[in-house]
Structures are given as C-alpha cells and as structure tokens.
Amino acid sequence: VQLQASGGGLVQAGGSLRLSCAASGHTFSSYAVGWFRQAPGKEREFVAAISWSGGVTRYANSVKGRFTISRDNTKNTVYLQLNSLKPEDTAVYYCAADLTVPASGSGYGMDFWGKGTLVTVSS
C-alpha cells in the first residue's frame, strides 16, 4: 500500500482544512488508517484513526470535537476534516496504515506511511 497525504496549507486560527490520504493498492480497504502529526521540535503524535470499515474512530483529546476522520473505500481515500484550527495544530500531518487501529503514540509499528502535508495555522 502506498499512501499520499495532501490538503495542507496556511490558514488563520478558527479556520478549516480537509486533508486527504490517497492510497494505491487493492488491499487498502482492509487496513485501518491513522493520522499523526509532528510539530517543529516535538515528537510525532497521534491525531485520529479509523478502522477498515469506518465503524471505529479514535481521536486524541486535543482534537476531539474539532477534527473528524472518515473514509471512502471506493475512492481509496481517508479524510481528516480540521475545524476550529489553533496555532498549536501547526505541524506536518502524516497518514499511516496498519491492520490494527491505533489509539495513541507516535505510530511506531504502523505498516505503511505516506509523505506528510504541512498545516500552518496563523494567530
């Protein structure tokens, strides 16, 4: 499975963005997908995840109620809707796939990773 994250950009605080994680590979629909982010000078951290069917979603406490993860297996794409953005959301966002749904951590052990997309939130 190959992953490509896109949709990042510069937005003012309070604004919104939608990130996409497009996958190639016919087995993508069998994988859970997680979003992680890494801010400058900080370790990578878990943001959100979704099971292969979309029936299970998990969020970091810092984004709960503001971010929404979803997927469209017919398009081999997972989305992350970012609302009410804050300057502290500024980071490179990565998507990763694995057979299990992550719930925390840095994503160590995730099977596949995409290149990140930069989100910058100005105050």
PDB file of N, CA and C in Angstrom:
ATOM      1  N   VAL A   1       0.851  -1.201   0.000  1.00  0.00           N
ATOM      2  CA  VAL A   1       0.000   0.000   0.000  1.00  0.00           C
ATOM      3  C   VAL A   1       0.881   1.244   0.000  1.00  0.00           C
ATOM      4  N   GLN A   2       0.605   2.136  -0.921  1.00  0.00           N
ATOM      5  CA  GLN A   2       1.302   3.415  -0.959  1.00  0.00           C
ATOM      6  C   GLN A   2       0.312   4.514  -0.604  1.00  0.00           C
ATOM      7  N   LEU A   3       0.775   5.438   0.216  1.00  0.00           N
ATOM      8  CA  LEU A   3      -0.095   6.496   0.715  1.00  0.00           C
ATOM      9  C   LEU A   3       0.447   7.860   0.336  1.00  0.00           C
ATOM     10  N   GLN A   4      -0.439   8.791   0.077  1.00  0.00           N
ATOM     11  CA  GLN A   4      -0.052  10.163  -0.230  1.00  0.00           C
ATOM     12  C   GLN A   4      -1.009  11.109   0.462  1.00  0.00           C
ATOM     13  N   ALA A   5      -0.480  11.889   1.385  1.00  0.00           N
ATOM     14  CA  ALA A   5      -1.286  12.882   2.087  1.00  0.00           C
ATOM     15  C   ALA A   5      -1.247  14.200   1.325  1.00  0.00           C
ATOM     16  N   SER A   6      -2.366  14.912   1.345  1.00  0.00           N
ATOM     17  CA  SER A   6      -2.446  16.211   0.686  1.00  0.00           C
ATOM     18  C   SER A   6      -3.501  17.059   1.388  1.00  0.00           C
ATOM     19  N   GLY A   7      -3.552  18.332   1.004  1.00  0.00           N
ATOM     20  CA  GLY A   7      -4.578  19.214   1.534  1.00  0.00           C
ATOM     21  C   GLY A   7      -4.104  20.214   2.563  1.00  0.00           C
ATOM     22  N   GLY A   8      -2.841  20.141   2.927  1.00  0.00           N
ATOM     23  CA  GLY A   8      -2.324  21.088   3.886  1.00  0.00           C
ATOM     24  C   GLY A   8      -2.224  22.486   3.304  1.00  0.00           C
ATOM     25  N   GLY A   9      -1.955  23.446   4.179  1.00  0.00           N
ATOM     26  CA  GLY A   9      -1.816  24.818   3.731  1.00  0.00           C
ATOM     27  C   GLY A   9      -1.756  25.767   4.906  1.00  0.00           C
ATOM     28  N   LEU A  10      -1.845  27.039   4.571  1.00  0.00           N
ATOM     29  CA  LEU A  10      -1.819  28.100   5.574  1.00  0.00           C
ATOM     30  C   LEU A  10      -3.250  28.578   5.830  1.00  0.00           C
ATOM     31  N   VAL A  11      -3.634  28.616   7.081  1.00  0.00           N
ATOM     32  CA  VAL A  11      -4.993  29.033   7.434  1.00  0.00           C
ATOM     33  C   VAL A  11      -4.941  29.838   8.721  1.00  0.00           C
ATOM     34  N   GLN A  12      -5.871  30.745   8.876  1.00  0.00           N
ATOM     35  CA  GLN A  12      -5.937  31.530  10.108  1.00  0.00           C
ATOM     36  C   GLN A  12      -6.589  30.715  11.219  1.00  0.00           C
ATOM     37  N   ALA A  13      -6.284  31.077  12.428  1.00  0.00           N
ATOM     38  CA  ALA A  13      -6.899  30.424  13.575  1.00  0.00           C
ATOM     39  C   ALA A  13      -8.413  30.504  13.459  1.00  0.00           C
ATOM     40  N   GLY A  14      -9.057  29.408  13.772  1.00  0.00           N
ATOM     41  CA  GLY A  14     -10.505  29.330  13.632  1.00  0.00           C
ATOM     42  C   GLY A  14     -10.954  28.787  12.298  1.00  0.00           C
ATOM     43  N   GLY A  15     -10.034  28.681  11.367  1.00  0.00           N
ATOM     44  CA  GLY A  15     -10.365  28.211  10.031  1.00  0.00           C
ATOM     45  C   GLY A  15     -10.409  26.700   9.929  1.00  0.00           C
ATOM     46  N   SER A  16     -10.593  26.228   8.697  1.00  0.00           N
ATOM     47  CA  SER A  16     -10.756  24.805   8.444  1.00  0.00           C
ATOM     48  C   SER A  16      -9.907  24.361   7.261  1.00  0.00           C
ATOM     49  N   LEU A  17      -9.559  23.098   7.283  1.00  0.00           N
ATOM     50  CA  LEU A  17      -8.893  22.439   6.168  1.00  0.00           C
ATOM     51  C   LEU A  17      -9.398  21.010   6.100  1.00  0.00           C
ATOM     52  N   ARG A  18      -9.298  20.408   4.919  1.00  0.00           N
ATOM     53  CA  ARG A  18      -9.570  18.979   4.792  1.00  0.00           C
ATOM     54  C   ARG A  18      -8.357  18.299   4.193  1.00  0.00           C
ATOM     55  N   LEU A  19      -7.802  17.388   4.944  1.00  0.00           N
ATOM     56  CA  LEU A  19      -6.677  16.606   4.476  1.00  0.00           C
ATOM     57  C   LEU A  19      -7.188  15.324   3.843  1.00  0.00           C
ATOM     58  N   SER A  20      -6.466  14.868   2.838  1.00  0.00           N
ATOM     59  CA  SER A  20      -6.791  13.611   2.176  1.00  0.00           C
ATOM     60  C   SER A  20      -5.593  12.691   2.229  1.00  0.00           C
ATOM     61  N   CYS A  21      -5.864  11.417   2.353  1.00  0.00           N
ATOM     62  CA  CYS A  21      -4.835  10.387   2.301  1.00  0.00           C
ATOM     63  C   CYS A  21      -5.275   9.415   1.216  1.00  0.00           C
ATOM     64  N   ALA A  22      -4.642   9.530   0.062  1.00  0.00           N
ATOM     65  CA  ALA A  22      -4.993   8.681  -1.066  1.00  0.00           C
ATOM     66  C   ALA A  22      -4.073   7.471  -1.094  1.00  0.00           C
ATOM     67  N   ALA A  23      -4.654   6.318  -1.339  1.00  0.00           N
ATOM     68  CA  ALA A  23      -3.892   5.084  -1.300  1.00  0.00           C
ATOM     69  C   ALA A  23      -3.954   4.349  -2.626  1.00  0.00           C
ATOM     70  N   SER A  24      -2.893   3.660  -2.915  1.00  0.00           N
ATOM     71  CA  SER A  24      -2.892   2.742  -4.044  1.00  0.00           C
ATOM     72  C   SER A  24      -2.710   1.340  -3.493  1.00  0.00           C
ATOM     73  N   GLY A  25      -3.259   0.374  -4.185  1.00  0.00           N
ATOM     74  CA  GLY A  25      -3.176  -0.996  -3.687  1.00  0.00           C
ATOM     75  C   GLY A  25      -4.560  -1.532  -3.417  1.00  0.00           C
ATOM     76  N   HIS A  26      -4.825  -2.707  -3.927  1.00  0.00           N
ATOM     77  CA  HIS A  26      -6.174  -3.239  -3.851  1.00  0.00           C
ATOM     78  C   HIS A  26      -6.551  -3.709  -2.462  1.00  0.00           C
ATOM     79  N   THR A  27      -5.585  -3.745  -1.530  1.00  0.00           N
ATOM     80  CA  THR A  27      -5.903  -4.209  -0.182  1.00  0.00           C
ATOM     81  C   THR A  27      -6.144  -3.066   0.785  1.00  0.00           C
ATOM     82  N   PHE A  28      -6.181  -1.842   0.278  1.00  0.00           N
ATOM     83  CA  PHE A  28      -6.308  -0.684   1.163  1.00  0.00           C
ATOM     84  C   PHE A  28      -7.526  -0.781   2.053  1.00  0.00           C
ATOM     85  N   SER A  29      -8.624  -1.259   1.533  1.00  0.00           N
ATOM     86  CA  SER A  29      -9.863  -1.312   2.305  1.00  0.00           C
ATOM     87  C   SER A  29      -9.776  -2.288   3.479  1.00  0.00           C
ATOM     88  N   SER A  30      -8.729  -3.071   3.543  1.00  0.00           N
ATOM     89  CA  SER A  30      -8.527  -3.984   4.664  1.00  0.00           C
ATOM     90  C   SER A  30      -7.772  -3.347   5.814  1.00  0.00           C
ATOM     91  N   TYR A  31      -7.264  -2.145   5.614  1.00  0.00           N
ATOM     92  CA  TYR A  31      -6.396  -1.505   6.593  1.00  0.00           C
ATOM     93  C   TYR A  31      -7.076  -0.380   7.360  1.00  0.00           C
ATOM     94  N   ALA A  32      -6.741  -0.306   8.628  1.00  0.00           N
ATOM     95  CA  ALA A  32      -7.057   0.885   9.405  1.00  0.00           C
ATOM     96  C   ALA A  32      -6.068   1.983   9.013  1.00  0.00           C
ATOM     97  N   VAL A  33      -6.487   3.214   9.178  1.00  0.00           N
ATOM     98  CA  VAL A  33      -5.626   4.345   8.839  1.00  0.00           C
ATOM     99  C   VAL A  33      -5.578   5.316  10.007  1.00  0.00           C
ATOM    100  N   GLY A  34      -4.391   5.759  10.294  1.00  0.00           N
ATOM    101  CA  GLY A  34      -4.226   6.759  11.344  1.00  0.00           C
ATOM    102  C   GLY A  34      -3.596   8.023  10.792  1.00  0.00           C
ATOM    103  N   TRP A  35      -3.945   9.138  11.401  1.00  0.00           N
ATOM    104  CA  TRP A  35      -3.277  10.403  11.124  1.00  0.00           C
ATOM    105  C   TRP A  35      -2.400  10.741  12.326  1.00  0.00           C
ATOM    106  N   PHE A  36      -1.197  11.169  12.043  1.00  0.00           N
ATOM    107  CA  PHE A  36      -0.247  11.590  13.050  1.00  0.00           C
ATOM    108  C   PHE A  36       0.287  12.951  12.642  1.00  0.00           C
ATOM    109  N   ARG A  37       0.848  13.667  13.579  1.00  0.00           N
ATOM    110  CA  ARG A  37       1.429  14.956  13.239  1.00  0.00           C
ATOM    111  C   ARG A  37       2.704  15.182  14.026  1.00  0.00           C
ATOM    112  N   GLN A  38       3.563  15.998  13.452  1.00  0.00           N
ATOM    113  CA  GLN A  38       4.808  16.348  14.102  1.00  0.00           C
ATOM    114  C   GLN A  38       5.045  17.831  13.964  1.00  0.00           C
ATOM    115  N   ALA A  39       5.041  18.503  15.088  1.00  0.00           N
ATOM    116  CA  ALA A  39       5.316  19.931  15.123  1.00  0.00           C
ATOM    117  C   ALA A  39       6.815  20.153  15.238  1.00  0.00           C
ATOM    118  N   PRO A  40       7.283  21.330  14.841  1.00  0.00           N
ATOM    119  CA  PRO A  40       8.724  21.603  14.927  1.00  0.00           C
ATOM    120  C   PRO A  40       9.243  21.412  16.347  1.00  0.00           C
ATOM    121  N   GLY A  41      10.292  20.644  16.468  1.00  0.00           N
ATOM    122  CA  GLY A  41      10.915  20.436  17.760  1.00  0.00           C
ATOM    123  C   GLY A  41      10.189  19.485  18.682  1.00  0.00           C
ATOM    124  N   LYS A  42       9.142  18.855  18.189  1.00  0.00           N
ATOM    125  CA  LYS A  42       8.366  17.942  19.025  1.00  0.00           C
ATOM    126  C   LYS A  42       8.330  16.556  18.406  1.00  0.00           C
ATOM    127  N   GLU A  43       7.958  15.594  19.216  1.00  0.00           N
ATOM    128  CA  GLU A  43       7.823  14.233  18.721  1.00  0.00           C
ATOM    129  C   GLU A  43       6.522  14.081  17.951  1.00  0.00           C
ATOM    130  N   ARG A  44       6.516  13.105  17.079  1.00  0.00           N
ATOM    131  CA  ARG A  44       5.301  12.800  16.340  1.00  0.00           C
ATOM    132  C   ARG A  44       4.234  12.290  17.306  1.00  0.00           C
ATOM    133  N   GLU A  45       2.991  12.677  17.063  1.00  0.00           N
ATOM    134  CA  GLU A  45       1.931  12.277  17.965  1.00  0.00           C
ATOM    135  C   GLU A  45       0.691  11.842  17.188  1.00  0.00           C
ATOM    136  N   PHE A  46      -0.081  11.015  17.852  1.00  0.00           N
ATOM    137  CA  PHE A  46      -1.329  10.507  17.285  1.00  0.00           C
ATOM    138  C   PHE A  46      -2.363  11.623  17.225  1.00  0.00           C
ATOM    139  N   VAL A  47      -3.141  11.620  16.124  1.00  0.00           N
ATOM    140  CA  VAL A  47      -4.213  12.601  15.969  1.00  0.00           C
ATOM    141  C   VAL A  47      -5.575  11.909  15.913  1.00  0.00           C
ATOM    142  N   ALA A  48      -5.721  10.980  14.969  1.00  0.00           N
ATOM    143  CA  ALA A  48      -7.012  10.311  14.783  1.00  0.00           C
ATOM    144  C   ALA A  48      -6.787   9.019  14.007  1.00  0.00           C
ATOM    145  N   ALA A  49      -7.760   8.119  14.086  1.00  0.00           N
ATOM    146  CA  ALA A  49      -7.663   6.861  13.359  1.00  0.00           C
ATOM    147  C   ALA A  49      -9.049   6.341  13.032  1.00  0.00           C
ATOM    148  N   ILE A  50      -9.086   5.489  12.024  1.00  0.00           N
ATOM    149  CA  ILE A  50     -10.358   4.919  11.590  1.00  0.00           C
ATOM    150  C   ILE A  50     -10.124   3.475  11.182  1.00  0.00           C
ATOM    151  N   SER A  51     -11.078   2.615  11.513  1.00  0.00           N
ATOM    152  CA  SER A  51     -10.956   1.212  11.166  1.00  0.00           C
ATOM    153  C   SER A  51     -11.189   0.995   9.677  1.00  0.00           C
ATOM    154  N   TRP A  52     -10.964  -0.221   9.219  1.00  0.00           N
ATOM    155  CA  TRP A  52     -11.086  -0.511   7.796  1.00  0.00           C
ATOM    156  C   TRP A  52     -12.500  -0.245   7.287  1.00  0.00           C
ATOM    157  N   SER A  53     -13.493  -0.467   8.122  1.00  0.00           N
ATOM    158  CA  SER A  53     -14.881  -0.286   7.707  1.00  0.00           C
ATOM    159  C   SER A  53     -15.402   1.124   7.981  1.00  0.00           C
ATOM    160  N   GLY A  54     -14.659   1.854   8.778  1.00  0.00           N
ATOM    161  CA  GLY A  54     -15.152   3.167   9.194  1.00  0.00           C
ATOM    162  C   GLY A  54     -15.998   3.105  10.443  1.00  0.00           C
ATOM    163  N   GLY A  55     -16.219   1.924  10.960  1.00  0.00           N
ATOM    164  CA  GLY A  55     -17.091   1.774  12.110  1.00  0.00           C
ATOM    165  C   GLY A  55     -16.483   2.177  13.432  1.00  0.00           C
ATOM    166  N   VAL A  56     -15.170   2.245  13.463  1.00  0.00           N
ATOM    167  CA  VAL A  56     -14.471   2.643  14.684  1.00  0.00           C
ATOM    168  C   VAL A  56     -13.602   3.858  14.368  1.00  0.00           C
ATOM    169  N   THR A  57     -13.741   4.896  15.170  1.00  0.00           N
ATOM    170  CA  THR A  57     -12.888   6.073  15.046  1.00  0.00           C
ATOM    171  C   THR A  57     -12.332   6.421  16.412  1.00  0.00           C
ATOM    172  N   ARG A  58     -11.140   6.961  16.409  1.00  0.00           N
ATOM    173  CA  ARG A  58     -10.488   7.351  17.647  1.00  0.00           C
ATOM    174  C   ARG A  58      -9.816   8.694  17.442  1.00  0.00           C
ATOM    175  N   TYR A  59      -9.770   9.475  18.498  1.00  0.00           N
ATOM    176  CA  TYR A  59      -9.208  10.815  18.424  1.00  0.00           C
ATOM    177  C   TYR A  59      -8.340  11.112  19.635  1.00  0.00           C
ATOM    178  N   ALA A  60      -7.321  11.897  19.410  1.00  0.00           N
ATOM    179  CA  ALA A  60      -6.571  12.443  20.532  1.00  0.00           C
ATOM    180  C   ALA A  60      -7.453  13.455  21.252  1.00  0.00           C
ATOM    181  N   ASN A  61      -7.265  13.567  22.548  1.00  0.00           N
ATOM    182  CA  ASN A  61      -8.092  14.504  23.317  1.00  0.00           C
ATOM    183  C   ASN A  61      -7.944  15.929  22.812  1.00  0.00           C
ATOM    184  N   SER A  62      -6.779  16.262  22.315  1.00  0.00           N
ATOM    185  CA  SER A  62      -6.505  17.633  21.884  1.00  0.00           C
ATOM    186  C   SER A  62      -7.290  18.042  20.640  1.00  0.00           C
ATOM    187  N   VAL A  63      -7.812  17.059  19.893  1.00  0.00           N
ATOM    188  CA  VAL A  63      -8.533  17.384  18.661  1.00  0.00           C
ATOM    189  C   VAL A  63      -9.983  16.940  18.700  1.00  0.00           C
ATOM    190  N   LYS A  64     -10.357  16.231  19.733  1.00  0.00           N
ATOM    191  CA  LYS A  64     -11.723  15.713  19.827  1.00  0.00           C
ATOM    192  C   LYS A  64     -12.720  16.853  19.774  1.00  0.00           C
ATOM    193  N   GLY A  65     -13.741  16.706  18.930  1.00  0.00           N
ATOM    194  CA  GLY A  65     -14.745  17.744  18.769  1.00  0.00           C
ATOM    195  C   GLY A  65     -14.398  18.767  17.709  1.00  0.00           C
ATOM    196  N   ARG A  66     -13.159  18.764  17.238  1.00  0.00           N
ATOM    197  CA  ARG A  66     -12.740  19.724  16.205  1.00  0.00           C
ATOM    198  C   ARG A  66     -12.367  19.033  14.898  1.00  0.00           C
ATOM    199  N   PHE A  67     -11.802  17.845  14.996  1.00  0.00           N
ATOM    200  CA  PHE A  67     -11.369  17.095  13.815  1.00  0.00           C
ATOM    201  C   PHE A  67     -12.302  15.907  13.608  1.00  0.00           C
ATOM    202  N   THR A  68     -12.502  15.551  12.346  1.00  0.00           N
ATOM    203  CA  THR A  68     -13.326  14.389  12.013  1.00  0.00           C
ATOM    204  C   THR A  68     -12.622  13.550  10.962  1.00  0.00           C
ATOM    205  N   ILE A  69     -12.481  12.273  11.248  1.00  0.00           N
ATOM    206  CA  ILE A  69     -11.868  11.353  10.294  1.00  0.00           C
ATOM    207  C   ILE A  69     -12.960  10.548   9.613  1.00  0.00           C
ATOM    208  N   SER A  70     -12.781  10.299   8.328  1.00  0.00           N
ATOM    209  CA  SER A  70     -13.735   9.499   7.567  1.00  0.00           C
ATOM    210  C   SER A  70     -12.998   8.808   6.435  1.00  0.00           C
ATOM    211  N   ARG A  71     -13.667   7.883   5.773  1.00  0.00           N
ATOM    212  CA  ARG A  71     -13.011   7.215   4.655  1.00  0.00           C
ATOM    213  C   ARG A  71     -14.032   6.843   3.599  1.00  0.00           C
ATOM    214  N   ASP A  72     -13.543   6.743   2.371  1.00  0.00           N
ATOM    215  CA  ASP A  72     -14.337   6.290   1.235  1.00  0.00           C
ATOM    216  C   ASP A  72     -13.525   5.199   0.554  1.00  0.00           C
ATOM    217  N   ASN A  73     -13.858   3.969   0.841  1.00  0.00           N
ATOM    218  CA  ASN A  73     -13.075   2.856   0.292  1.00  0.00           C
ATOM    219  C   ASN A  73     -13.257   2.708  -1.217  1.00  0.00           C
ATOM    220  N   THR A  74     -14.333   3.259  -1.761  1.00  0.00           N
ATOM    221  CA  THR A  74     -14.500   3.202  -3.218  1.00  0.00           C
ATOM    222  C   THR A  74     -13.499   4.116  -3.914  1.00  0.00           C
ATOM    223  N   LYS A  75     -13.009   5.098  -3.164  1.00  0.00           N
ATOM    224  CA  LYS A  75     -12.016   6.031  -3.708  1.00  0.00           C
ATOM    225  C   LYS A  75     -10.638   5.812  -3.108  1.00  0.00           C
ATOM    226  N   ASN A  76     -10.515   4.781  -2.275  1.00  0.00           N
ATOM    227  CA  ASN A  76      -9.225   4.506  -1.623  1.00  0.00           C
ATOM    228  C   ASN A  76      -8.670   5.749  -0.926  1.00  0.00           C
ATOM    229  N   THR A  77      -9.537   6.453  -0.223  1.00  0.00           N
ATOM    230  CA  THR A  77      -9.132   7.712   0.381  1.00  0.00           C
ATOM    231  C   THR A  77      -9.682   7.832   1.799  1.00  0.00           C
ATOM    232  N   VAL A  78      -8.841   8.336   2.668  1.00  0.00           N
ATOM    233  CA  VAL A  78      -9.235   8.693   4.035  1.00  0.00           C
ATOM    234  C   VAL A  78      -9.109  10.196   4.171  1.00  0.00           C
ATOM    235  N   TYR A  79     -10.068  10.793   4.858  1.00  0.00           N
ATOM    236  CA  TYR A  79     -10.090  12.234   5.021  1.00  0.00           C
ATOM    237  C   TYR A  79      -9.927  12.608   6.492  1.00  0.00           C
ATOM    238  N   LEU A  80      -9.383  13.782   6.705  1.00  0.00           N
ATOM    239  CA  LEU A  80      -9.339  14.355   8.043  1.00  0.00           C
ATOM    240  C   LEU A  80      -9.810  15.799   7.921  1.00  0.00           C
ATOM    241  N   GLN A  81     -10.996  16.060   8.432  1.00  0.00           N
ATOM    242  CA  GLN A  81     -11.549  17.405   8.433  1.00  0.00           C
ATOM    243  C   GLN A  81     -11.064  18.128   9.679  1.00  0.00           C
ATOM    244  N   LEU A  82     -10.408  19.251   9.487  1.00  0.00           N
ATOM    245  CA  LEU A  82      -9.852  20.024  10.587  1.00  0.00           C
ATOM    246  C   LEU A  82     -10.655  21.311  10.725  1.00  0.00           C
ATOM    247  N   ASN A  83     -11.377  21.455  11.803  1.00  0.00           N
ATOM    248  CA  ASN A  83     -12.156  22.659  12.062  1.00  0.00           C
ATOM    249  C   ASN A  83     -11.641  23.367  13.310  1.00  0.00           C
ATOM    250  N   SER A  84     -12.010  24.627  13.442  1.00  0.00           N
ATOM    251  CA  SER A  84     -11.621  25.417  14.623  1.00  0.00           C
ATOM    252  C   SER A  84     -10.129  25.297  14.890  1.00  0.00           C
ATOM    253  N   LEU A  85      -9.353  25.484  13.856  1.00  0.00           N
ATOM    254  CA  LEU A  85      -7.905  25.280  13.972  1.00  0.00           C
ATOM    255  C   LEU A  85      -7.263  26.288  14.912  1.00  0.00           C
ATOM    256  N   LYS A  86      -6.253  25.828  15.600  1.00  0.00           N
ATOM    257  CA  LYS A  86      -5.497  26.640  16.549  1.00  0.00           C
ATOM    258  C   LYS A  86      -4.039  26.683  16.113  1.00  0.00           C
ATOM    259  N   PRO A  87      -3.300  27.702  16.515  1.00  0.00           N
ATOM    260  CA  PRO A  87      -1.873  27.751  16.167  1.00  0.00           C
ATOM    261  C   PRO A  87      -1.123  26.494  16.606  1.00  0.00           C
ATOM    262  N   GLU A  88      -1.529  25.902  17.700  1.00  0.00           N
ATOM    263  CA  GLU A  88      -0.849  24.694  18.185  1.00  0.00           C
ATOM    264  C   GLU A  88      -1.144  23.458  17.328  1.00  0.00           C
ATOM    265  N   ASP A  89      -2.023  23.586  16.351  1.00  0.00           N
ATOM    266  CA  ASP A  89      -2.253  22.498  15.394  1.00  0.00           C
ATOM    267  C   ASP A  89      -1.235  22.519  14.263  1.00  0.00           C
ATOM    268  N   THR A  90      -0.413  23.543  14.228  1.00  0.00           N
ATOM    269  CA  THR A  90       0.616  23.640  13.192  1.00  0.00           C
ATOM    270  C   THR A  90       1.566  22.461  13.280  1.00  0.00           C
ATOM    271  N   ALA A  91       1.706  21.738  12.178  1.00  0.00           N
ATOM    272  CA  ALA A  91       2.536  20.542  12.153  1.00  0.00           C
ATOM    273  C   ALA A  91       2.527  19.964  10.746  1.00  0.00           C
ATOM    274  N   VAL A  92       3.423  19.019  10.527  1.00  0.00           N
ATOM    275  CA  VAL A  92       3.338  18.175   9.342  1.00  0.00           C
ATOM    276  C   VAL A  92       2.439  17.001   9.708  1.00  0.00           C
ATOM    277  N   TYR A  93       1.441  16.766   8.906  1.00  0.00           N
ATOM    278  CA  TYR A  93       0.472  15.698   9.153  1.00  0.00           C
ATOM    279  C   TYR A  93       0.783  14.527   8.235  1.00  0.00           C
ATOM    280  N   TYR A  94       0.829  13.337   8.825  1.00  0.00           N
ATOM    281  CA  TYR A  94       1.114  12.111   8.099  1.00  0.00           C
ATOM    282  C   TYR A  94      -0.054  11.142   8.244  1.00  0.00           C
ATOM    283  N   CYS A  95      -0.289  10.362   7.189  1.00  0.00           N
ATOM    284  CA  CYS A  95      -1.213   9.257   7.322  1.00  0.00           C
ATOM    285  C   CYS A  95      -0.424   7.949   7.259  1.00  0.00           C
ATOM    286  N   ALA A  96      -0.953   6.968   7.933  1.00  0.00           N
ATOM    287  CA  ALA A  96      -0.294   5.667   8.002  1.00  0.00           C
ATOM    288  C   ALA A  96      -1.361   4.578   8.068  1.00  0.00           C
ATOM    289  N   ALA A  97      -1.021   3.409   7.562  1.00  0.00           N
ATOM    290  CA  ALA A  97      -1.973   2.300   7.519  1.00  0.00           C
ATOM    291  C   ALA A  97      -1.436   1.094   8.271  1.00  0.00           C
ATOM    292  N   ASP A  98      -2.342   0.393   8.878  1.00  0.00           N
ATOM    293  CA  ASP A  98      -1.974  -0.805   9.629  1.00  0.00           C
ATOM    294  C   ASP A  98      -3.224  -1.672   9.780  1.00  0.00           C
ATOM    295  N   LEU A  99      -3.012  -2.934  10.130  1.00  0.00           N
ATOM    296  CA  LEU A  99      -4.157  -3.818  10.304  1.00  0.00           C
ATOM    297  C   LEU A  99      -4.911  -3.534  11.599  1.00  0.00           C
ATOM    298  N   THR A 100      -4.250  -2.905  12.567  1.00  0.00           N
ATOM    299  CA  THR A 100      -4.915  -2.554  13.820  1.00  0.00           C
ATOM    300  C   THR A 100      -5.136  -1.054  13.878  1.00  0.00           C
ATOM    301  N   VAL A 101      -6.142  -0.642  14.632  1.00  0.00           N
ATOM    302  CA  VAL A 101      -6.486   0.769  14.747  1.00  0.00           C
ATOM    303  C   VAL A 101      -5.657   1.398  15.861  1.00  0.00           C
ATOM    304  N   PRO A 102      -4.810   2.356  15.540  1.00  0.00           N
ATOM    305  CA  PRO A 102      -4.033   2.993  16.608  1.00  0.00           C
ATOM    306  C   PRO A 102      -4.922   3.895  17.454  1.00  0.00           C
ATOM    307  N   ALA A 103      -4.482   4.120  18.673  1.00  0.00           N
ATOM    308  CA  ALA A 103      -5.249   4.979  19.572  1.00  0.00           C
ATOM    309  C   ALA A 103      -4.394   6.037  20.236  1.00  0.00           C
ATOM    310  N   SER A 104      -3.095   5.906  20.112  1.00  0.00           N
ATOM    311  CA  SER A 104      -2.192   6.856  20.759  1.00  0.00           C
ATOM    312  C   SER A 104      -0.788   6.608  20.232  1.00  0.00           C
ATOM    313  N   GLY A 105       0.145   7.347  20.760  1.00  0.00           N
ATOM    314  CA  GLY A 105       1.544   7.095  20.457  1.00  0.00           C
ATOM    315  C   GLY A 105       2.024   7.806  19.206  1.00  0.00           C
ATOM    316  N   SER A 106       3.193   7.416  18.778  1.00  0.00           N
ATOM    317  CA  SER A 106       3.858   8.069  17.656  1.00  0.00           C
ATOM    318  C   SER A 106       3.644   7.347  16.331  1.00  0.00           C
ATOM    319  N   GLY A 107       2.952   6.219  16.386  1.00  0.00           N
ATOM    320  CA  GLY A 107       2.738   5.460  15.167  1.00  0.00           C
ATOM    321  C   GLY A 107       3.791   4.412  14.918  1.00  0.00           C
ATOM    322  N   TYR A 108       4.616   4.187  15.920  1.00  0.00           N
ATOM    323  CA  TYR A 108       5.654   3.156  15.765  1.00  0.00           C
ATOM    324  C   TYR A 108       4.984   1.816  15.472  1.00  0.00           C
ATOM    325  N   GLY A 109       5.475   1.158  14.425  1.00  0.00           N
ATOM    326  CA  GLY A 109       4.924  -0.138  14.066  1.00  0.00           C
ATOM    327  C   GLY A 109       3.858  -0.102  12.992  1.00  0.00           C
ATOM    328  N   MET A 110       3.387   1.083  12.636  1.00  0.00           N
ATOM    329  CA  MET A 110       2.430   1.176  11.533  1.00  0.00           C
ATOM    330  C   MET A 110       3.109   0.639  10.270  1.00  0.00           C
ATOM    331  N   ASP A 111       2.343  -0.105   9.477  1.00  0.00           N
ATOM    332  CA  ASP A 111       2.956  -0.799   8.347  1.00  0.00           C
ATOM    333  C   ASP A 111       3.368   0.122   7.199  1.00  0.00           C
ATOM    334  N   PHE A 112       2.546   1.091   6.873  1.00  0.00           N
ATOM    335  CA  PHE A 112       2.789   1.927   5.703  1.00  0.00           C
ATOM    336  C   PHE A 112       2.619   3.399   6.070  1.00  0.00           C
ATOM    337  N   TRP A 113       3.473   4.229   5.480  1.00  0.00           N
ATOM    338  CA  TRP A 113       3.438   5.669   5.738  1.00  0.00           C
ATOM    339  C   TRP A 113       3.441   6.424   4.425  1.00  0.00           C
ATOM    340  N   GLY A 114       2.754   7.565   4.462  1.00  0.00           N
ATOM    341  CA  GLY A 114       2.830   8.476   3.347  1.00  0.00           C
ATOM    342  C   GLY A 114       3.706   9.658   3.691  1.00  0.00           C
ATOM    343  N   LYS A 115       4.063  10.412   2.690  1.00  0.00           N
ATOM    344  CA  LYS A 115       4.766  11.668   2.940  1.00  0.00           C
ATOM    345  C   LYS A 115       3.780  12.646   3.562  1.00  0.00           C
ATOM    346  N   GLY A 116       4.264  13.513   4.370  1.00  0.00           N
ATOM    347  CA  GLY A 116       3.389  14.400   5.114  1.00  0.00           C
ATOM    348  C   GLY A 116       2.920  15.607   4.319  1.00  0.00           C
ATOM    349  N   THR A 117       1.957  16.285   4.885  1.00  0.00           N
ATOM    350  CA  THR A 117       1.470  17.543   4.339  1.00  0.00           C
ATOM    351  C   THR A 117       1.472  18.576   5.458  1.00  0.00           C
ATOM    352  N   LEU A 118       1.968  19.773   5.155  1.00  0.00           N
ATOM    353  CA  LEU A 118       2.176  20.785   6.187  1.00  0.00           C
ATOM    354  C   LEU A 118       0.913  21.610   6.404  1.00  0.00           C
ATOM    355  N   VAL A 119       0.527  21.714   7.654  1.00  0.00           N
ATOM    356  CA  VAL A 119      -0.574  22.584   8.072  1.00  0.00           C
ATOM    357  C   VAL A 119       0.005  23.685   8.936  1.00  0.00           C
ATOM    358  N   THR A 120      -0.235  24.922   8.537  1.00  0.00           N
ATOM    359  CA  THR A 120       0.243  26.066   9.302  1.00  0.00           C
ATOM    360  C   THR A 120      -0.950  26.924   9.685  1.00  0.00           C
ATOM    361  N   VAL A 121      -1.107  27.145  10.977  1.00  0.00           N
ATOM    362  CA  VAL A 121      -2.222  27.933  11.487  1.00  0.00           C
ATOM    363  C   VAL A 121      -1.668  29.214  12.081  1.00  0.00           C
ATOM    364  N   SER A 122      -2.063  30.331  11.514  1.00  0.00           N
ATOM    365  CA  SER A 122      -1.572  31.617  12.000  1.00  0.00           C
ATOM    366  C   SER A 122      -2.539  32.195  13.026  1.00  0.00           C
ATOM    367  N   SER A 123      -1.978  32.941  13.960  1.00  0.00           N
ATOM    368  CA  SER A 123      -2.809  33.514  15.032  1.00  0.00           C
ATOM    369  C   SER A 123      -3.359  34.868  14.643  1.00  0.00           C
TER     370      SER A 123
END
